[in-house]
Amino acid sequence: MKADTHPSYHMIKVVMTNGTEFMTRSTYGKDGDTLNLDIDPTTHPAWTGGSQQLLDRGGRLSKFNSRFGNLGLGKK
């Protein structure tokens, strides 16, 4: 195996949006650095199951509905 091909793998501190902290191993930054999360599993709707609104202003969804809306698939 070639020498110096892998990045440094070391301990960092991760701070979640609610202030909780934990230590983990990562290739991020240097040994002892802090990673502050903007989005984490306690706040993001993908993990919390929160409601999400679909906003489309003449984009992909509108194009799809104009092409395939008359097929009636999925509507009962």
Protein backbone atom coordinates (compact mmCIF):
# COMPACT_ATOMS: atom_id res chain seq x y z
CA MET A 1 0.00 0.00 0.00
CA LYS A 2 1.23 3.49 -0.77
CA ALA A 3 2.23 5.68 2.14
CA ASP A 4 0.32 8.92 2.86
CA THR A 5 -2.71 8.10 0.68
CA HIS A 6 -5.29 8.16 3.47
CA PRO A 7 -6.43 11.32 5.28
CA SER A 8 -5.80 11.85 8.97
CA TYR A 9 -8.47 10.15 11.10
CA HIS A 10 -8.77 11.77 14.54
CA MET A 11 -11.14 12.79 17.35
CA ILE A 12 -13.39 15.88 16.95
CA LYS A 13 -16.23 17.38 18.99
CA VAL A 14 -19.66 17.68 17.32
CA VAL A 15 -22.07 20.33 18.67
CA MET A 16 -25.71 19.85 17.69
CA THR A 17 -28.22 22.70 17.25
CA ASN A 18 -29.67 22.23 20.74
CA GLY A 19 -26.21 22.49 22.36
CA THR A 20 -25.57 18.82 23.06
CA GLU A 21 -22.05 17.67 22.32
CA PHE A 22 -20.38 14.36 21.57
CA MET A 23 -16.97 13.18 20.51
CA THR A 24 -16.44 11.13 17.36
CA ARG A 25 -13.69 10.13 14.97
CA SER A 26 -13.57 11.97 11.64
CA THR A 27 -11.38 13.26 8.84
CA TYR A 28 -12.84 16.77 9.35
CA GLY A 29 -10.33 19.46 10.34
CA LYS A 30 -7.57 18.71 12.83
CA ASP A 31 -7.45 16.76 16.07
CA GLY A 32 -9.65 18.48 18.67
CA ASP A 33 -11.57 20.72 16.22
CA THR A 34 -15.27 21.46 16.76
CA LEU A 35 -17.95 20.82 14.13
CA ASN A 36 -21.09 22.95 14.70
CA LEU A 37 -24.13 21.48 12.97
CA ASP A 38 -26.76 23.72 11.34
CA ILE A 39 -29.13 20.81 10.66
CA ASP A 40 -29.25 17.66 12.75
CA PRO A 41 -31.57 14.70 13.42
CA THR A 42 -33.34 16.52 16.28
CA THR A 43 -34.51 19.44 14.12
CA HIS A 44 -34.73 18.28 10.49
CA PRO A 45 -38.19 17.20 9.23
CA ALA A 46 -36.72 14.15 7.48
CA TRP A 47 -35.94 12.63 10.89
CA THR A 48 -38.62 14.23 13.05
CA GLY A 49 -41.54 13.51 10.71
CA GLY A 50 -42.57 17.15 10.66
CA SER A 51 -44.88 18.55 8.04
CA GLN A 52 -43.37 19.71 4.81
CA GLN A 53 -44.99 21.88 2.19
CA LEU A 54 -44.22 21.41 -1.47
CA LEU A 55 -43.68 24.77 -3.13
CA ASP A 56 -43.41 24.76 -6.89
CA ARG A 57 -43.60 27.91 -8.92
CA GLY A 58 -43.85 26.61 -12.48
CA GLY A 59 -41.01 24.14 -12.09
CA ARG A 60 -40.67 20.39 -12.32
CA LEU A 61 -43.90 19.50 -10.56
CA SER A 62 -45.97 21.73 -12.83
CA LYS A 63 -44.30 20.30 -15.92
CA PHE A 64 -44.91 16.75 -14.72
CA ASN A 65 -48.57 17.43 -13.96
CA SER A 66 -49.12 19.08 -17.32
CA ARG A 67 -47.63 16.09 -19.14
CA PHE A 68 -48.99 13.20 -17.11
CA GLY A 69 -51.85 14.67 -15.06
CA ASN A 70 -54.50 13.36 -17.42
CA LEU A 71 -53.49 9.71 -16.92
CA GLY A 72 -55.28 9.60 -13.58
CA LEU A 73 -52.73 7.34 -11.93
CA GLY A 74 -52.91 7.24 -8.16
CA LYS A 75 -56.24 9.04 -7.90
CA LYS A 76 -59.31 7.18 -6.72
